[in-house]
């Protein structure tokens, strides 16, 4: 497998510290609110990557943190703790907020067919690990105490801007609008490892430490959790591209200074989901959630399909029209699979190898999910029996996670009900094997039979708007897509 590495800006063959095993870390959510679908794009693509690695035979240990303390509303160590902000908004305790939105996040993941990581660790559960790391950084001169807080000293590093995507002059703290400079810092890019009460007197969650009662900074949490569950050699670190600086940059700085050796060679960053007005974010009010998609009648897996049609390193533009196009394509794909007969032939393993190789090449080419989707259509067009096609589709869906066979089976059952209903009424429907369309055609017939011509005309117009043409024939109707 060749993956693009954000740290080197090159594609290279993916290799691991221990042959056959992947130590994988993915930055989890800050659980102060619902995840929006822009956040979830990253988790979808990380899920596909994990499943692709397993598909190719790797033993994967995937670790994810849950940030329930220490993530401030500014990346410059200023502003309010997001968890405290959420608790105030809803008049609950921080831990009540954390539990509620953690549950909501994993409920969304389940709907999107995102596998739960092997390890899920709330940040509040590893305080001792952070203190141990910070203490060593203090002892070795990589950290200093100032104004009641412990800071990492970036001037001790030969190379701080690991990802090289930012102009140092643009990162001056005082330049950014709404950011107040922290005068305790020796250098503008130093960052907090441990806050004490000198920062926030009323911080909800606090622990004792050698530097006073306080709480950890956001960046130290991921390093501590990863080292605890992945060990001191991490193979693959994933996250949204907006986390590359400063979060991932700071993780590398503190981790390698603590360990004394290189920490993680491979960085996988998923690009933004944009709206017509720019990057999607909670602060802008463009707060599209999985629940909102469901309210508007979309199966969450249509959004997953929408994401997989694009490459993870390209910004993806969300519009309702684009999602509608994905829905049409997904529904057609499911209808074509539903038309396959599982009883048609037996699985021919030998004939599957060429298409399996093509699918794996798509994954190996920097996780080219769009090309992987194309192989589904190659299967449908292939000269092989239906049982073999269904086995291949099921094999590929181990990675894609689109519930292809289960959704197709549900469509088959729905089609059987519609067929029974039309047969009972003596009305025969011929179409392309889509039970939803069949049901509307039957409903139109029943409206006409009841002399409710206005309703019948409305159904006909609705079908036409979907690109469906219905022709009445003796004893029934024929429909087709135009």
Protein backbone atom coordinates (compact mmCIF):
# COMPACT_ATOMS: atom_id res chain seq x y z
CA UNK A 1 0.00 0.00 0.00
CA UNK A 2 1.25 3.46 -0.96
CA UNK A 3 -0.01 6.33 1.19
CA UNK A 4 0.58 10.05 1.03
CA UNK A 5 2.52 11.22 4.09
CA UNK A 6 1.66 14.72 5.30
CA UNK A 7 5.05 14.95 7.03
CA UNK A 8 7.09 14.32 3.85
CA UNK A 9 4.58 15.50 1.22
CA UNK A 10 5.24 12.32 -0.72
CA UNK A 11 3.57 9.00 -1.39
CA UNK A 12 5.56 6.07 -0.09
CA UNK A 13 5.08 2.40 0.63
CA UNK A 14 3.43 1.99 4.00
CA UNK A 15 5.69 0.16 6.46
CA UNK A 16 5.33 -0.69 10.12
CA UNK A 17 7.71 -0.97 13.06
CA UNK A 18 6.57 -4.53 13.73
CA UNK A 19 5.95 -6.52 10.53
CA UNK A 20 2.28 -7.34 10.00
CA UNK A 21 1.05 -5.12 12.84
CA UNK A 22 -0.23 -1.54 12.67
CA UNK A 23 -0.27 0.72 15.70
CA UNK A 24 -2.85 3.29 14.62
CA UNK A 25 -4.01 6.41 16.46
CA UNK A 26 -6.92 8.64 15.47
CA UNK A 27 -7.77 11.91 17.18
CA UNK A 28 -11.25 11.57 18.65
CA UNK A 29 -13.95 14.19 19.23
CA UNK A 30 -14.14 16.89 21.85
CA UNK A 31 -17.48 15.88 23.32
CA UNK A 32 -19.05 19.26 24.08
CA UNK A 33 -21.57 19.13 21.23
CA UNK A 34 -22.80 16.91 18.40
CA UNK A 35 -20.31 16.06 15.67
CA UNK A 36 -21.18 17.73 12.38
CA UNK A 37 -20.88 15.86 9.10
CA UNK A 38 -17.61 17.66 8.33
CA UNK A 39 -16.05 16.11 11.45
CA UNK A 40 -17.52 12.76 10.48
CA UNK A 41 -15.95 12.81 7.02
CA UNK A 42 -12.58 12.30 8.74
CA UNK A 43 -13.88 9.37 10.80
CA UNK A 44 -15.42 7.75 7.72
CA UNK A 45 -12.13 7.91 5.79
CA UNK A 46 -10.12 6.69 8.79
CA UNK A 47 -12.56 3.81 9.13
CA UNK A 48 -12.05 2.87 5.47
CA UNK A 49 -8.27 3.04 5.97
CA UNK A 50 -8.42 0.76 9.01
CA UNK A 51 -10.65 -1.71 7.17
CA UNK A 52 -8.37 -1.59 4.12
CA UNK A 53 -5.37 -2.46 6.28
CA UNK A 54 -7.25 -5.37 7.85
CA UNK A 55 -8.42 -6.45 4.37
CA UNK A 56 -4.77 -6.62 3.30
CA UNK A 57 -3.88 -8.84 6.23
CA UNK A 58 -2.54 -6.45 8.87
CA UNK A 59 -3.27 -6.87 12.56
CA UNK A 60 -4.48 -3.36 13.48
CA UNK A 61 -4.59 -1.85 16.96
CA UNK A 62 -6.56 1.36 16.59
CA UNK A 63 -6.67 3.78 19.52
CA UNK A 64 -8.88 6.86 19.83
CA UNK A 65 -9.07 9.48 22.55
CA UNK A 66 -12.20 11.24 23.77
CA UNK A 67 -11.37 14.82 24.73
CA UNK A 68 -13.39 15.63 27.83
CA UNK A 69 -11.06 18.24 29.34
CA UNK A 70 -8.37 20.70 28.28
CA UNK A 71 -9.44 21.67 24.74
CA UNK A 72 -9.73 25.45 24.76
CA UNK A 73 -11.70 27.50 22.26
CA UNK A 74 -8.46 28.90 20.82
CA UNK A 75 -5.41 27.01 19.58
CA UNK A 76 -3.24 29.62 21.30
CA UNK A 77 -4.02 28.34 24.81
CA UNK A 78 -6.59 31.07 25.36
CA UNK A 79 -10.36 31.16 25.63
CA UNK A 80 -12.70 28.91 27.53
CA UNK A 81 -12.48 25.14 27.91
CA UNK A 82 -14.96 23.77 25.36
CA UNK A 83 -16.31 21.25 27.85
CA UNK A 84 -17.06 23.96 30.43
CA UNK A 85 -18.68 26.02 27.67
CA UNK A 86 -20.94 23.08 26.77
CA UNK A 87 -21.86 22.47 30.41
CA UNK A 88 -22.85 26.10 30.90
CA UNK A 89 -24.92 26.05 27.69
CA UNK A 90 -26.97 23.08 28.84
CA UNK A 91 -26.89 23.61 32.62
CA UNK A 92 -25.29 20.23 33.25
CA UNK A 93 -22.05 19.00 34.73
CA UNK A 94 -19.02 18.56 32.49
CA UNK A 95 -19.12 14.78 32.90
CA UNK A 96 -22.83 14.67 32.06
CA UNK A 97 -22.11 16.62 28.88
CA UNK A 98 -19.16 14.35 28.08
CA UNK A 99 -21.18 11.15 28.47
CA UNK A 100 -24.15 12.44 26.49
CA UNK A 101 -22.13 13.62 23.49
CA UNK A 102 -19.82 10.59 23.58
CA UNK A 103 -22.89 8.36 23.28
CA UNK A 104 -24.27 10.60 20.52
CA UNK A 105 -20.97 10.42 18.62
CA UNK A 106 -20.86 6.63 18.64
CA UNK A 107 -24.55 6.46 17.71
CA UNK A 108 -23.70 8.54 14.63
CA UNK A 109 -20.73 6.27 13.92
CA UNK A 110 -22.97 3.20 14.05
CA UNK A 111 -25.38 4.76 11.54
CA UNK A 112 -22.44 5.52 9.24
CA UNK A 113 -21.05 1.98 9.61
CA UNK A 114 -17.89 3.27 11.31
CA UNK A 115 -16.25 0.54 13.38
CA UNK A 116 -15.59 1.40 17.02
CA UNK A 117 -11.80 1.59 17.61
CA UNK A 118 -10.14 -1.18 19.61
CA UNK A 119 -9.37 1.29 22.40
CA UNK A 120 -11.46 4.36 23.25
CA UNK A 121 -9.94 6.37 26.08
CA UNK A 122 -11.41 9.54 27.66
CA UNK A 123 -8.65 12.05 28.40
CA UNK A 124 -9.68 12.31 32.05
CA UNK A 125 -8.65 8.67 32.59
CA UNK A 126 -4.92 9.13 31.96
CA UNK A 127 -3.87 12.01 34.22
CA UNK A 128 -0.97 10.01 35.70
CA UNK A 129 0.45 9.38 32.21
CA UNK A 130 0.45 13.11 31.39
CA UNK A 131 2.11 14.01 34.67
CA UNK A 132 4.83 11.41 34.07
CA UNK A 133 5.60 12.81 30.60
CA UNK A 134 5.53 16.44 31.75
CA UNK A 135 7.80 15.68 34.72
CA UNK A 136 10.46 14.22 32.42
CA UNK A 137 10.16 17.14 30.00
CA UNK A 138 10.72 19.48 32.96
CA UNK A 139 13.73 17.47 34.15
CA UNK A 140 15.33 17.45 30.69
CA UNK A 141 14.75 21.16 30.05
CA UNK A 142 12.11 20.83 27.35
CA UNK A 143 9.48 22.41 29.57
CA UNK A 144 9.37 25.34 32.00
CA UNK A 145 7.08 26.71 34.69
CA UNK A 146 5.79 30.27 34.28
CA UNK A 147 2.82 32.17 35.62
CA UNK A 148 1.43 29.07 37.29
CA UNK A 149 1.45 26.92 34.14
CA UNK A 150 3.86 24.44 32.56
CA UNK A 151 4.89 25.23 28.97
CA UNK A 152 6.76 23.27 26.31
CA UNK A 153 9.83 25.19 25.11
CA UNK A 154 9.80 25.01 21.29
CA UNK A 155 13.15 26.84 21.08
CA UNK A 156 14.81 23.60 22.21
CA UNK A 157 13.86 21.93 18.92
CA UNK A 158 15.91 21.94 15.73
CA UNK A 159 12.78 21.46 13.64
CA UNK A 160 9.36 22.46 14.94
CA UNK A 161 7.21 23.05 11.82
CA UNK A 162 7.07 19.38 10.85
CA UNK A 163 4.33 19.69 8.22
CA UNK A 164 5.76 22.85 6.60
CA UNK A 165 2.29 24.08 5.70
CA UNK A 166 2.41 27.32 7.64
CA UNK A 167 4.31 30.56 7.41
CA UNK A 168 5.97 31.25 10.75
CA UNK A 169 5.20 34.96 10.55
CA UNK A 170 1.49 34.25 10.08
CA UNK A 171 1.42 32.27 13.30
CA UNK A 172 2.36 35.14 15.62
CA UNK A 173 -0.21 34.83 18.37
CA UNK A 174 -0.94 38.52 18.67
CA UNK A 175 -1.70 38.86 14.96
CA UNK A 176 -4.70 36.55 14.91
CA UNK A 177 -8.02 38.24 15.44
CA UNK A 178 -9.60 37.60 18.80
CA UNK A 179 -6.49 35.90 20.25
CA UNK A 180 -4.92 37.32 23.35
CA UNK A 181 -1.17 36.82 23.68
CA UNK A 182 -0.02 34.72 26.63
CA UNK A 183 2.80 36.77 28.16
CA UNK A 184 4.02 33.78 30.19
CA UNK A 185 5.41 32.16 27.04
CA UNK A 186 9.08 32.51 26.23
CA UNK A 187 8.39 31.96 22.55
CA UNK A 188 5.17 32.62 20.63
CA UNK A 189 4.79 28.93 19.65
CA UNK A 190 5.32 27.48 23.13
CA UNK A 191 2.26 25.64 24.34
CA UNK A 192 0.73 24.65 27.67
CA UNK A 193 1.30 21.15 29.03
CA UNK A 194 -0.44 21.75 32.36
CA UNK A 195 -2.78 24.55 33.47
CA UNK A 196 -3.14 25.44 37.15
CA UNK A 197 -5.78 27.53 38.92
CA UNK A 198 -3.89 30.63 37.83
CA UNK A 199 -5.51 30.07 34.44
CA UNK A 200 -9.12 29.47 35.44
CA UNK A 201 -10.23 29.65 39.04
CA UNK A 202 -13.53 27.97 38.25
CA UNK A 203 -12.33 25.11 36.05
CA UNK A 204 -14.71 22.20 36.70
CA UNK A 205 -12.21 19.33 36.50
CA UNK A 206 -8.94 19.62 38.44
CA UNK A 207 -6.24 17.25 39.67
CA UNK A 208 -3.25 17.52 41.95
CA UNK A 209 0.17 17.66 40.29
CA UNK A 210 3.77 18.62 41.16
CA UNK A 211 3.03 22.08 39.73
CA UNK A 212 -0.22 22.73 41.53
CA UNK A 213 -3.87 21.77 41.23
CA UNK A 214 -4.97 22.00 37.61
CA UNK A 215 -5.60 20.07 34.42
CA UNK A 216 -3.73 18.97 31.29
CA UNK A 217 -3.43 20.86 28.02
CA UNK A 218 -5.09 19.40 24.93
CA UNK A 219 -1.92 18.31 23.11
CA UNK A 220 -0.36 16.23 25.90
CA UNK A 221 -3.49 14.05 26.08
CA UNK A 222 -3.03 12.40 22.68
CA UNK A 223 0.66 11.70 23.31
CA UNK A 224 -0.05 10.14 26.70
CA UNK A 225 -2.96 8.00 25.49
CA UNK A 226 -1.10 6.80 22.41
CA UNK A 227 2.02 5.84 24.36
CA UNK A 228 -0.09 3.94 26.88
CA UNK A 229 -1.98 1.86 24.32
CA UNK A 230 0.16 1.92 21.14
CA UNK A 231 3.58 1.82 22.79
CA UNK A 232 6.47 4.16 22.09
CA UNK A 233 6.51 3.46 18.33
CA UNK A 234 3.39 4.61 16.53
CA UNK A 235 2.97 3.55 12.88
CA UNK A 236 0.09 5.71 11.69
CA UNK A 237 -1.51 8.87 13.05
CA UNK A 238 -4.77 10.14 11.52
CA UNK A 239 -6.91 13.23 11.85
CA UNK A 240 -8.49 16.17 10.08
CA UNK A 241 -6.13 18.45 8.17
CA UNK A 242 -7.00 21.35 10.52
CA UNK A 243 -5.28 19.42 13.32
CA UNK A 244 -1.91 19.33 11.53
CA UNK A 245 -1.00 22.64 13.16
CA UNK A 246 -0.77 23.19 16.01
CA UNK A 247 -2.17 19.99 17.52
CA UNK A 248 -0.22 17.31 15.65
CA UNK A 249 2.86 19.51 15.42
CA UNK A 250 2.85 19.83 19.21
CA UNK A 251 2.21 16.11 19.69
CA UNK A 252 5.38 15.33 17.72
CA UNK A 253 7.40 17.94 19.61
CA UNK A 254 6.54 16.67 23.10
CA UNK A 255 6.49 12.95 22.21
CA UNK A 256 9.91 12.86 20.54
CA UNK A 257 11.44 15.07 23.23
CA UNK A 258 10.11 12.68 25.87
CA UNK A 259 11.03 9.44 24.07
CA UNK A 260 14.37 10.53 22.66
CA UNK A 261 13.66 8.99 19.26
CA UNK A 262 11.37 9.37 16.22
CA UNK A 263 7.77 8.68 17.17
CA UNK A 264 5.41 8.35 14.20
CA UNK A 265 6.61 8.14 10.57
CA UNK A 266 3.22 8.20 8.77
CA UNK A 267 0.63 11.00 8.99
CA UNK A 268 -2.78 10.73 7.32
CA UNK A 269 -4.82 13.93 7.11
CA UNK A 270 -8.36 14.15 5.74
CA UNK A 271 -9.29 17.45 4.08
CA UNK A 272 -12.24 19.67 4.84
CA UNK A 273 -15.88 19.29 3.98
CA UNK A 274 -16.88 22.70 2.66
CA UNK A 275 -20.21 24.35 2.06
CA UNK A 276 -20.80 26.99 -0.58
CA UNK A 277 -19.60 29.57 1.96
CA UNK A 278 -16.42 27.76 3.03
CA UNK A 279 -15.27 25.28 5.67
CA UNK A 280 -18.03 23.71 7.75
CA UNK A 281 -17.73 24.51 11.46
CA UNK A 282 -19.90 24.70 14.54
CA UNK A 283 -18.96 28.34 15.17
CA UNK A 284 -20.32 29.42 11.76
CA UNK A 285 -23.70 27.93 12.49
CA UNK A 286 -23.52 25.56 9.48
CA UNK A 287 -24.26 22.72 11.84
CA UNK A 288 -25.27 19.76 9.71
CA UNK A 289 -25.60 16.55 11.73
CA UNK A 290 -26.45 12.94 10.94
CA UNK A 291 -29.80 13.46 12.68
CA UNK A 292 -30.58 16.37 10.36
CA UNK A 293 -29.81 14.20 7.33
CA UNK A 294 -32.21 11.57 8.67
CA UNK A 295 -34.91 14.19 9.31
CA UNK A 296 -34.62 15.18 5.65
CA UNK A 297 -35.07 11.57 4.57
CA UNK A 298 -31.50 10.51 3.84
CA UNK A 299 -30.06 7.19 4.96
CA UNK A 300 -26.73 8.10 6.66
CA UNK A 301 -24.98 5.56 4.41
CA UNK A 302 -25.78 7.83 1.46
CA UNK A 303 -23.51 10.41 3.10
CA UNK A 304 -20.82 7.73 3.51
CA UNK A 305 -21.20 6.88 -0.19
CA UNK A 306 -20.98 10.61 -1.01
CA UNK A 307 -17.67 10.84 0.89
CA UNK A 308 -16.22 7.72 -0.74
CA UNK A 309 -16.87 9.13 -4.21
CA UNK A 310 -14.15 11.72 -3.55
CA UNK A 311 -10.49 11.40 -2.51
CA UNK A 312 -9.71 12.07 1.14
CA UNK A 313 -7.00 14.62 0.23
CA UNK A 314 -9.41 16.80 -1.73
CA UNK A 315 -11.75 19.31 -0.17
CA UNK A 316 -15.31 18.06 -0.65
CA UNK A 317 -18.15 20.50 -1.29
CA UNK A 318 -21.44 19.66 0.38
CA UNK A 319 -24.70 20.82 -1.14
CA UNK A 320 -28.11 19.20 -0.93
CA UNK A 321 -28.00 18.80 -4.71
CA UNK A 322 -24.71 16.90 -4.46
CA UNK A 323 -26.17 14.67 -1.76
CA UNK A 324 -29.27 14.07 -3.90
CA UNK A 325 -27.01 12.96 -6.75
CA UNK A 326 -25.25 10.56 -4.39
CA UNK A 327 -28.63 9.21 -3.26
CA UNK A 328 -29.72 8.57 -6.84
CA UNK A 329 -26.45 6.76 -7.60
CA UNK A 330 -26.58 4.73 -4.37
CA UNK A 331 -30.23 3.75 -4.89
CA UNK A 332 -29.53 2.65 -8.47
CA UNK A 333 -26.54 0.61 -7.27
CA UNK A 334 -28.63 -1.13 -4.61
CA UNK A 335 -31.42 -1.77 -7.15
CA UNK A 336 -28.95 -3.43 -9.53
CA UNK A 337 -27.59 -5.61 -6.73
CA UNK A 338 -31.14 -6.48 -5.62
CA UNK A 339 -31.83 -7.72 -9.15
CA UNK A 340 -29.11 -10.38 -8.77
CA UNK A 341 -30.33 -13.88 -7.91
CA UNK A 342 -28.37 -15.52 -5.07
CA UNK A 343 -29.52 -18.92 -6.35
CA UNK A 344 -27.99 -18.30 -9.78
CA UNK A 345 -24.89 -20.54 -9.80
CA UNK A 346 -22.31 -21.26 -7.13
CA UNK A 347 -19.41 -19.04 -6.12
CA UNK A 348 -16.49 -19.39 -8.54
CA UNK A 349 -13.42 -18.31 -6.54
CA UNK A 350 -11.11 -18.55 -9.56
CA UNK A 351 -13.06 -15.96 -11.55
CA UNK A 352 -12.93 -13.46 -8.66
CA UNK A 353 -9.16 -12.93 -8.63
CA UNK A 354 -8.88 -10.30 -11.40
CA UNK A 355 -11.48 -7.99 -9.87
CA UNK A 356 -10.11 -8.54 -6.36
CA UNK A 357 -6.71 -7.45 -7.62
CA UNK A 358 -8.24 -4.36 -9.23
CA UNK A 359 -10.03 -3.47 -5.99
CA UNK A 360 -6.87 -3.89 -3.93
CA UNK A 361 -4.88 -1.74 -6.38
CA UNK A 362 -7.41 1.05 -5.82
CA UNK A 363 -6.88 0.81 -2.07
CA UNK A 364 -3.10 0.63 -2.49
CA UNK A 365 -3.10 3.82 -4.59
CA UNK A 366 -3.35 6.17 -1.60
CA UNK A 367 -6.78 4.85 -0.62
CA UNK A 368 -8.49 5.75 -3.89
CA UNK A 369 -12.06 5.10 -2.77
CA UNK A 370 -13.57 6.57 -5.93
CA UNK A 371 -11.74 3.95 -7.99
CA UNK A 372 -12.75 1.29 -5.47
CA UNK A 373 -16.41 2.29 -5.98
CA UNK A 374 -15.90 1.87 -9.74
CA UNK A 375 -14.93 -1.77 -9.19
CA UNK A 376 -18.46 -2.40 -7.82
CA UNK A 377 -19.86 -1.53 -11.24
CA UNK A 378 -17.17 -3.66 -12.88
CA UNK A 379 -18.49 -6.59 -10.86
CA UNK A 380 -22.06 -5.94 -11.98
CA UNK A 381 -20.95 -5.85 -15.65
CA UNK A 382 -18.65 -8.89 -15.37
CA UNK A 383 -19.30 -12.14 -17.21
CA UNK A 384 -19.94 -14.32 -14.16
CA UNK A 385 -22.91 -15.80 -12.36
CA UNK A 386 -24.92 -13.84 -9.80
CA UNK A 387 -23.73 -15.87 -6.79
CA UNK A 388 -20.12 -14.99 -7.62
CA UNK A 389 -20.98 -11.32 -8.15
CA UNK A 390 -22.70 -11.17 -4.76
CA UNK A 391 -19.70 -12.83 -3.08
CA UNK A 392 -17.37 -10.24 -4.64
CA UNK A 393 -19.58 -7.32 -3.65
CA UNK A 394 -19.73 -8.64 -0.09
CA UNK A 395 -15.93 -9.00 -0.07
CA UNK A 396 -15.37 -5.40 -1.20
CA UNK A 397 -17.95 -4.09 1.24
CA UNK A 398 -15.77 -5.32 4.12
CA UNK A 399 -13.80 -2.14 3.36
CA UNK A 400 -16.36 0.22 1.86
CA UNK A 401 -18.96 -0.36 4.57
CA UNK A 402 -21.98 0.51 2.43
CA UNK A 403 -24.26 -2.34 3.60
CA UNK A 404 -24.67 -3.37 -0.03
CA UNK A 405 -26.05 -6.88 0.43
CA UNK A 406 -28.28 -6.14 3.42
CA UNK A 407 -29.83 -3.12 1.70
CA UNK A 408 -30.26 -5.13 -1.51
CA UNK A 409 -31.97 -7.94 0.40
CA UNK A 410 -34.32 -5.44 2.03
CA UNK A 411 -35.13 -4.06 -1.43
CA UNK A 412 -35.80 -7.60 -2.71
CA UNK A 413 -38.26 -8.22 0.12
CA UNK A 414 -39.96 -4.88 -0.51
CA UNK A 415 -40.19 -5.72 -4.22
CA UNK A 416 -41.77 -9.07 -3.34
CA UNK A 417 -44.43 -7.29 -1.24
CA UNK A 418 -45.18 -4.85 -4.06
CA UNK A 419 -45.36 -7.71 -6.56
CA UNK A 420 -47.80 -9.55 -4.29
CA UNK A 421 -49.93 -6.44 -3.94
CA UNK A 422 -49.97 -5.76 -7.69
CA UNK A 423 -50.67 -9.41 -8.47
CA UNK A 424 -53.56 -9.45 -6.00
CA UNK A 425 -55.06 -6.45 -7.74
CA UNK A 426 -54.47 -8.00 -11.16
CA UNK A 427 -52.14 -5.13 -12.06
CA UNK A 428 -48.70 -6.09 -13.46
CA UNK A 429 -45.76 -3.69 -13.04
CA UNK A 430 -42.66 -4.02 -15.21
CA UNK A 431 -39.64 -1.89 -14.37
CA UNK A 432 -36.01 -1.95 -13.27
CA UNK A 433 -36.40 -3.80 -9.99
CA UNK A 434 -36.83 -0.76 -7.71
CA UNK A 435 -39.57 -1.48 -5.14
CA UNK A 436 -39.91 2.20 -4.17
CA UNK A 437 -40.79 3.11 -7.76
CA UNK A 438 -42.99 0.01 -8.13
CA UNK A 439 -44.90 1.06 -5.02
CA UNK A 440 -45.52 4.58 -6.41
CA UNK A 441 -46.69 3.16 -9.76
CA UNK A 442 -49.11 0.87 -7.91
CA UNK A 443 -50.29 3.77 -5.75
CA UNK A 444 -50.96 5.80 -8.92
CA UNK A 445 -53.04 2.91 -10.33
CA UNK A 446 -55.06 2.66 -7.12
CA UNK A 447 -55.69 6.42 -7.16
CA UNK A 448 -56.94 6.23 -10.75
CA UNK A 449 -59.12 3.25 -9.89
CA UNK A 450 -60.68 5.30 -7.07
CA UNK A 451 -61.17 8.17 -9.57
CA UNK A 452 -58.79 10.35 -7.56
CA UNK A 453 -57.23 11.72 -10.73
CA UNK A 454 -55.57 14.69 -9.01
CA UNK A 455 -53.58 12.33 -6.77
CA UNK A 456 -52.74 10.07 -9.74
CA UNK A 457 -51.47 13.06 -11.74
CA UNK A 458 -49.40 14.26 -8.78
CA UNK A 459 -47.72 10.85 -8.44
CA UNK A 460 -47.05 10.82 -12.20
CA UNK A 461 -45.46 14.30 -11.98
CA UNK A 462 -43.38 13.30 -8.95
CA UNK A 463 -42.09 10.25 -10.83
CA UNK A 464 -41.29 12.40 -13.85
CA UNK A 465 -39.32 14.79 -11.61
CA UNK A 466 -37.25 11.77 -10.55
CA UNK A 467 -36.58 10.92 -14.20
CA UNK A 468 -39.13 8.08 -14.27
CA UNK A 469 -41.40 7.63 -17.27
CA UNK A 470 -44.54 5.48 -16.77
CA UNK A 471 -46.48 3.97 -19.65
CA UNK A 472 -49.85 2.33 -19.08
CA UNK A 473 -50.28 -0.99 -20.87
CA UNK A 474 -53.06 -3.57 -20.91
CA UNK A 475 -53.37 -5.02 -17.40
CA UNK A 476 -50.57 -2.94 -15.88
CA UNK A 477 -47.77 -0.42 -16.44
CA UNK A 478 -44.17 -0.26 -17.63
CA UNK A 479 -41.73 2.25 -16.18
CA UNK A 480 -38.18 3.25 -17.10
CA UNK A 481 -35.60 5.87 -16.24
CA UNK A 482 -35.15 8.60 -18.85
